[in-house]
Amino acid sequence: MKKYEMIREGNLYRIKALKSFSNVKKGDLGGLIETESNLSQGGNSWIYRNAKVYGKVKVYGNAWISGNSKVYDDAKVYGEAKVYGESEVYGNARMYGEARIYDKARIYDKARIYGKARMYNDAWVSGNSKVFGNVEIYGDTWVYGNAEVFGEVKVYDKAWVYGKAKVYGNARIYDKARIYGNALVCGSARVTW
């Protein structure tokens, strides 16, 4: 049995639960999708009321999209990943594991965010960047290029990590700091402007 049906609403379709699962009740109206391939009929994945998913996007597993979030282009959100607030996931971005993005965070291009990583408060991740582990990225911060940020790292307060830089361990990057090129920042390093 399918878990939802689609009801035409303008150029998109509003989803309606056909059965109860997770915290969704039979008859609940969900968000907007473009095609049935945007949201799996299996698992507990769901798109909540004001969220929009369109393009070649795939949302599956136990992932959910809520708030006023948008997921579009060729992005994929799966596993236990959650997108909420006014966040956007687009391009060929991938979100999985227990990753969370919220507030006005953006992940796009071919960026990957996974593990238990958190992005919020105007954080941006793009390019071929990878953010994973227990990382927190917030406060008008950018990670882009081929950068990798992983471990227990926090990047915040308008800091940028880009190029082929790698930041890992328990490092803290903040206060408009710039980490770039082939830089390696690790351990319990604290980097500020």
C-alpha atoms as a PDB file:
ATOM      1  CA  MET A   1       0.000   0.000   0.000  1.00  0.00           C
ATOM      2  CA  LYS A   2       1.225   3.494  -0.829  1.00  0.00           C
ATOM      3  CA  LYS A   3       1.853   5.832   2.073  1.00  0.00           C
ATOM      4  CA  TYR A   4       0.635   8.976   0.298  1.00  0.00           C
ATOM      5  CA  GLU A   5      -1.360  10.276  -2.630  1.00  0.00           C
ATOM      6  CA  MET A   6      -0.802  13.447  -4.639  1.00  0.00           C
ATOM      7  CA  ILE A   7      -3.346  16.260  -4.990  1.00  0.00           C
ATOM      8  CA  ARG A   8      -2.725  18.842  -7.743  1.00  0.00           C
ATOM      9  CA  GLU A   9      -1.963  22.323  -6.395  1.00  0.00           C
ATOM     10  CA  GLY A  10      -0.771  24.688  -9.106  1.00  0.00           C
ATOM     11  CA  ASN A  11       2.354  23.322 -10.805  1.00  0.00           C
ATOM     12  CA  LEU A  12       3.086  20.950  -7.919  1.00  0.00           C
ATOM     13  CA  TYR A  13       1.235  18.314  -5.903  1.00  0.00           C
ATOM     14  CA  ARG A  14       0.271  18.403  -2.238  1.00  0.00           C
ATOM     15  CA  ILE A  15       0.871  15.040  -0.552  1.00  0.00           C
ATOM     16  CA  LYS A  16      -1.736  13.398   1.673  1.00  0.00           C
ATOM     17  CA  ALA A  17      -0.971  10.474   3.980  1.00  0.00           C
ATOM     18  CA  LEU A  18      -2.889   7.298   3.147  1.00  0.00           C
ATOM     19  CA  LYS A  19      -1.753   5.574   6.336  1.00  0.00           C
ATOM     20  CA  SER A  20      -0.239   6.460   9.695  1.00  0.00           C
ATOM     21  CA  PHE A  21       3.504   6.075  10.229  1.00  0.00           C
ATOM     22  CA  SER A  22       6.116   7.710  12.457  1.00  0.00           C
ATOM     23  CA  ASN A  23       4.455  10.978  13.619  1.00  0.00           C
ATOM     24  CA  VAL A  24       2.303  11.270  10.460  1.00  0.00           C
ATOM     25  CA  LYS A  25      -1.369  10.373  10.776  1.00  0.00           C
ATOM     26  CA  LYS A  26      -3.582   9.008   8.026  1.00  0.00           C
ATOM     27  CA  GLY A  27      -5.204  11.978   6.271  1.00  0.00           C
ATOM     28  CA  ASP A  28      -2.444  14.481   7.188  1.00  0.00           C
ATOM     29  CA  LEU A  29      -1.589  16.913   4.413  1.00  0.00           C
ATOM     30  CA  GLY A  30       2.094  17.272   3.709  1.00  0.00           C
ATOM     31  CA  GLY A  31       4.224  19.553   1.587  1.00  0.00           C
ATOM     32  CA  LEU A  32       4.531  19.999  -2.155  1.00  0.00           C
ATOM     33  CA  ILE A  33       6.321  17.731  -4.624  1.00  0.00           C
ATOM     34  CA  GLU A  34       6.675  17.772  -8.390  1.00  0.00           C
ATOM     35  CA  THR A  35       6.553  14.021  -9.089  1.00  0.00           C
ATOM     36  CA  GLU A  36       6.055  10.817  -7.131  1.00  0.00           C
ATOM     37  CA  SER A  37       9.764  10.052  -7.574  1.00  0.00           C
ATOM     38  CA  ASN A  38      10.562  13.027  -5.279  1.00  0.00           C
ATOM     39  CA  LEU A  39       9.357  11.173  -2.160  1.00  0.00           C
ATOM     40  CA  SER A  40       9.686   7.445  -1.565  1.00  0.00           C
ATOM     41  CA  GLN A  41       6.517   5.496  -0.874  1.00  0.00           C
ATOM     42  CA  GLY A  42       8.566   3.333   1.519  1.00  0.00           C
ATOM     43  CA  GLY A  43      10.213   4.116   4.843  1.00  0.00           C
ATOM     44  CA  ASN A  44       9.185   6.973   7.139  1.00  0.00           C
ATOM     45  CA  SER A  45      10.405   9.835   4.944  1.00  0.00           C
ATOM     46  CA  TRP A  46       8.022  12.773   4.762  1.00  0.00           C
ATOM     47  CA  ILE A  47       7.691  16.326   3.497  1.00  0.00           C
ATOM     48  CA  TYR A  48       5.774  18.525   5.919  1.00  0.00           C
ATOM     49  CA  ARG A  49       3.148  21.165   5.187  1.00  0.00           C
ATOM     50  CA  ASN A  50       5.076  24.234   3.942  1.00  0.00           C
ATOM     51  CA  ALA A  51       8.138  22.502   2.506  1.00  0.00           C
ATOM     52  CA  LYS A  52       8.708  22.105  -1.253  1.00  0.00           C
ATOM     53  CA  VAL A  53      10.594  19.385  -3.104  1.00  0.00           C
ATOM     54  CA  TYR A  54      10.953  19.466  -6.882  1.00  0.00           C
ATOM     55  CA  GLY A  55      13.203  18.679  -9.821  1.00  0.00           C
ATOM     56  CA  LYS A  56      14.979  15.310  -9.782  1.00  0.00           C
ATOM     57  CA  VAL A  57      15.193  15.283  -5.989  1.00  0.00           C
ATOM     58  CA  LYS A  58      14.909  12.052  -4.030  1.00  0.00           C
ATOM     59  CA  VAL A  59      13.844  12.023  -0.365  1.00  0.00           C
ATOM     60  CA  TYR A  60      13.835   8.547   1.155  1.00  0.00           C
ATOM     61  CA  GLY A  61      14.681   6.373   4.158  1.00  0.00           C
ATOM     62  CA  ASN A  62      13.568   8.178   7.310  1.00  0.00           C
ATOM     63  CA  ALA A  63      14.516  11.665   6.128  1.00  0.00           C
ATOM     64  CA  TRP A  64      12.134  14.569   6.456  1.00  0.00           C
ATOM     65  CA  ILE A  65      11.803  18.059   5.075  1.00  0.00           C
ATOM     66  CA  SER A  66       9.801  20.636   7.025  1.00  0.00           C
ATOM     67  CA  GLY A  67       9.337  24.314   7.818  1.00  0.00           C
ATOM     68  CA  ASN A  68       9.639  26.505   4.718  1.00  0.00           C
ATOM     69  CA  SER A  69      12.556  24.474   3.386  1.00  0.00           C
ATOM     70  CA  LYS A  70      13.161  23.774  -0.287  1.00  0.00           C
ATOM     71  CA  VAL A  71      14.993  20.840  -1.829  1.00  0.00           C
ATOM     72  CA  TYR A  72      15.419  20.994  -5.599  1.00  0.00           C
ATOM     73  CA  ASP A  73      17.515  20.286  -8.705  1.00  0.00           C
ATOM     74  CA  ASP A  74      19.180  16.853  -8.368  1.00  0.00           C
ATOM     75  CA  ALA A  75      19.696  16.792  -4.582  1.00  0.00           C
ATOM     76  CA  LYS A  76      19.199  13.720  -2.411  1.00  0.00           C
ATOM     77  CA  VAL A  77      18.190  13.641   1.263  1.00  0.00           C
ATOM     78  CA  TYR A  78      18.062  10.235   2.935  1.00  0.00           C
ATOM     79  CA  GLY A  79      18.876   8.151   5.993  1.00  0.00           C
ATOM     80  CA  GLU A  80      17.796  10.036   9.103  1.00  0.00           C
ATOM     81  CA  ALA A  81      18.644  13.478   7.652  1.00  0.00           C
ATOM     82  CA  LYS A  82      16.422  16.457   8.516  1.00  0.00           C
ATOM     83  CA  VAL A  83      15.997  19.760   6.669  1.00  0.00           C
ATOM     84  CA  TYR A  84      13.931  22.455   8.359  1.00  0.00           C
ATOM     85  CA  GLY A  85      13.535  26.166   9.006  1.00  0.00           C
ATOM     86  CA  GLU A  86      14.101  28.058   5.756  1.00  0.00           C
ATOM     87  CA  SER A  87      17.005  25.900   4.598  1.00  0.00           C
ATOM     88  CA  GLU A  88      17.732  24.882   1.013  1.00  0.00           C
ATOM     89  CA  VAL A  89      19.415  21.823  -0.470  1.00  0.00           C
ATOM     90  CA  TYR A  90      20.027  21.963  -4.217  1.00  0.00           C
ATOM     91  CA  GLY A  91      22.333  21.217  -7.121  1.00  0.00           C
ATOM     92  CA  ASN A  92      23.782  17.712  -6.721  1.00  0.00           C
ATOM     93  CA  ALA A  93      24.107  18.023  -2.940  1.00  0.00           C
ATOM     94  CA  ARG A  94      23.707  14.960  -0.734  1.00  0.00           C
ATOM     95  CA  MET A  95      22.525  14.864   2.881  1.00  0.00           C
ATOM     96  CA  TYR A  96      22.403  11.631   4.839  1.00  0.00           C
ATOM     97  CA  GLY A  97      23.148   9.889   8.115  1.00  0.00           C
ATOM     98  CA  GLU A  98      21.760  11.993  10.959  1.00  0.00           C
ATOM     99  CA  ALA A  99      22.748  15.332   9.421  1.00  0.00           C
ATOM    100  CA  ARG A 100      20.585  18.374  10.209  1.00  0.00           C
ATOM    101  CA  ILE A 101      20.341  21.751   8.519  1.00  0.00           C
ATOM    102  CA  TYR A 102      18.054  24.509   9.721  1.00  0.00           C
ATOM    103  CA  ASP A 103      17.490  28.251  10.080  1.00  0.00           C
ATOM    104  CA  LYS A 104      18.636  29.596   6.685  1.00  0.00           C
ATOM    105  CA  ALA A 105      21.458  27.136   5.961  1.00  0.00           C
ATOM    106  CA  ARG A 106      22.291  26.216   2.356  1.00  0.00           C
ATOM    107  CA  ILE A 107      24.000  23.157   0.896  1.00  0.00           C
ATOM    108  CA  TYR A 108      24.499  22.985  -2.859  1.00  0.00           C
ATOM    109  CA  ASP A 109      26.717  22.074  -5.835  1.00  0.00           C
ATOM    110  CA  LYS A 110      28.194  18.604  -5.125  1.00  0.00           C
ATOM    111  CA  ALA A 111      28.626  19.159  -1.396  1.00  0.00           C
ATOM    112  CA  ARG A 112      28.043  16.332   1.085  1.00  0.00           C
ATOM    113  CA  ILE A 113      26.896  16.619   4.693  1.00  0.00           C
ATOM    114  CA  TYR A 114      26.515  13.466   6.752  1.00  0.00           C
ATOM    115  CA  GLY A 115      27.114  11.741  10.070  1.00  0.00           C
ATOM    116  CA  LYS A 116      25.733  13.913  12.865  1.00  0.00           C
ATOM    117  CA  ALA A 117      26.799  17.199  11.285  1.00  0.00           C
ATOM    118  CA  ARG A 118      24.722  20.320  12.000  1.00  0.00           C
ATOM    119  CA  MET A 119      24.455  23.477   9.892  1.00  0.00           C
ATOM    120  CA  TYR A 120      22.411  26.496  10.875  1.00  0.00           C
ATOM    121  CA  ASN A 121      22.242  30.265  11.205  1.00  0.00           C
ATOM    122  CA  ASP A 122      23.114  31.260   7.612  1.00  0.00           C
ATOM    123  CA  ALA A 123      25.821  28.614   7.094  1.00  0.00           C
ATOM    124  CA  TRP A 124      26.726  27.735   3.489  1.00  0.00           C
ATOM    125  CA  VAL A 125      28.408  24.568   2.181  1.00  0.00           C
ATOM    126  CA  SER A 126      29.101  24.211  -1.528  1.00  0.00           C
ATOM    127  CA  GLY A 127      31.481  22.987  -4.228  1.00  0.00           C
ATOM    128  CA  ASN A 128      32.827  19.483  -3.598  1.00  0.00           C
ATOM    129  CA  SER A 129      33.060  20.050   0.152  1.00  0.00           C
ATOM    130  CA  LYS A 130      32.432  17.348   2.724  1.00  0.00           C
ATOM    131  CA  VAL A 131      31.152  18.024   6.223  1.00  0.00           C
ATOM    132  CA  PHE A 132      30.762  15.006   8.488  1.00  0.00           C
ATOM    133  CA  GLY A 133      31.083  13.651  12.002  1.00  0.00           C
ATOM    134  CA  ASN A 134      29.811  15.820  14.870  1.00  0.00           C
ATOM    135  CA  VAL A 135      30.638  19.086  13.143  1.00  0.00           C
ATOM    136  CA  GLU A 136      28.709  22.317  13.775  1.00  0.00           C
ATOM    137  CA  ILE A 137      28.769  25.083  11.181  1.00  0.00           C
ATOM    138  CA  TYR A 138      26.890  28.290  11.957  1.00  0.00           C
ATOM    139  CA  GLY A 139      26.952  32.082  12.075  1.00  0.00           C
ATOM    140  CA  ASP A 140      27.203  33.296   8.441  1.00  0.00           C
ATOM    141  CA  THR A 141      29.983  30.805   7.712  1.00  0.00           C
ATOM    142  CA  TRP A 142      31.174  29.259   4.419  1.00  0.00           C
ATOM    143  CA  VAL A 143      32.748  25.898   3.578  1.00  0.00           C
ATOM    144  CA  TYR A 144      33.439  25.498  -0.143  1.00  0.00           C
ATOM    145  CA  GLY A 145      35.780  24.309  -2.870  1.00  0.00           C
ATOM    146  CA  ASN A 146      37.184  20.876  -1.994  1.00  0.00           C
ATOM    147  CA  ALA A 147      37.358  21.553   1.736  1.00  0.00           C
ATOM    148  CA  GLU A 148      36.708  18.848   4.320  1.00  0.00           C
ATOM    149  CA  VAL A 149      35.510  19.529   7.848  1.00  0.00           C
ATOM    150  CA  PHE A 150      35.079  16.533  10.137  1.00  0.00           C
ATOM    151  CA  GLY A 151      35.376  15.200  13.676  1.00  0.00           C
ATOM    152  CA  GLU A 152      34.147  17.444  16.517  1.00  0.00           C
ATOM    153  CA  VAL A 153      34.936  20.715  14.710  1.00  0.00           C
ATOM    154  CA  LYS A 154      33.013  23.988  15.092  1.00  0.00           C
ATOM    155  CA  VAL A 155      33.195  26.641  12.379  1.00  0.00           C
ATOM    156  CA  TYR A 156      31.327  29.851  13.207  1.00  0.00           C
ATOM    157  CA  ASP A 157      31.227  33.651  13.398  1.00  0.00           C
ATOM    158  CA  LYS A 158      31.789  34.443   9.687  1.00  0.00           C
ATOM    159  CA  ALA A 159      34.731  32.049   9.268  1.00  0.00           C
ATOM    160  CA  TRP A 160      35.544  30.485   5.866  1.00  0.00           C
ATOM    161  CA  VAL A 161      37.118  27.118   5.078  1.00  0.00           C
ATOM    162  CA  TYR A 162      37.863  26.611   1.381  1.00  0.00           C
ATOM    163  CA  GLY A 163      40.224  25.378  -1.292  1.00  0.00           C
ATOM    164  CA  LYS A 164      41.609  21.953  -0.327  1.00  0.00           C
ATOM    165  CA  ALA A 165      41.759  22.774   3.379  1.00  0.00           C
ATOM    166  CA  LYS A 166      41.038  20.074   5.950  1.00  0.00           C
ATOM    167  CA  VAL A 167      39.853  20.894   9.449  1.00  0.00           C
ATOM    168  CA  TYR A 168      39.382  18.041  11.910  1.00  0.00           C
ATOM    169  CA  GLY A 169      39.718  16.874  15.501  1.00  0.00           C
ATOM    170  CA  ASN A 170      38.302  19.346  18.035  1.00  0.00           C
ATOM    171  CA  ALA A 171      39.371  22.462  16.154  1.00  0.00           C
ATOM    172  CA  ARG A 172      37.470  25.748  16.433  1.00  0.00           C
ATOM    173  CA  ILE A 173      37.500  28.168  13.498  1.00  0.00           C
ATOM    174  CA  TYR A 174      35.804  31.502  14.201  1.00  0.00           C
ATOM    175  CA  ASP A 175      35.849  35.316  14.213  1.00  0.00           C
ATOM    176  CA  LYS A 176      36.231  35.808  10.426  1.00  0.00           C
ATOM    177  CA  ALA A 177      39.157  33.342  10.201  1.00  0.00           C
ATOM    178  CA  ARG A 178      40.112  32.108   6.704  1.00  0.00           C
ATOM    179  CA  ILE A 179      41.466  28.559   6.268  1.00  0.00           C
ATOM    180  CA  TYR A 180      42.339  27.813   2.642  1.00  0.00           C
ATOM    181  CA  GLY A 181      44.724  26.312   0.122  1.00  0.00           C
ATOM    182  CA  ASN A 182      46.173  23.006   1.351  1.00  0.00           C
ATOM    183  CA  ALA A 183      45.947  24.001   5.016  1.00  0.00           C
ATOM    184  CA  LEU A 184      45.484  21.363   7.718  1.00  0.00           C
ATOM    185  CA  VAL A 185      44.019  22.376  11.052  1.00  0.00           C
ATOM    186  CA  CYS A 186      43.613  19.601  13.568  1.00  0.00           C
ATOM    187  CA  GLY A 187      43.573  18.579  17.202  1.00  0.00           C
ATOM    188  CA  SER A 188      42.327  21.202  19.646  1.00  0.00           C
ATOM    189  CA  ALA A 189      43.494  24.165  17.551  1.00  0.00           C
ATOM    190  CA  ARG A 190      41.710  27.511  17.918  1.00  0.00           C
ATOM    191  CA  VAL A 191      41.919  29.781  14.887  1.00  0.00           C
ATOM    192  CA  THR A 192      40.613  33.315  14.855  1.00  0.00           C
ATOM    193  CA  TRP A 193      41.158  36.395  12.679  1.00  0.00           C
END
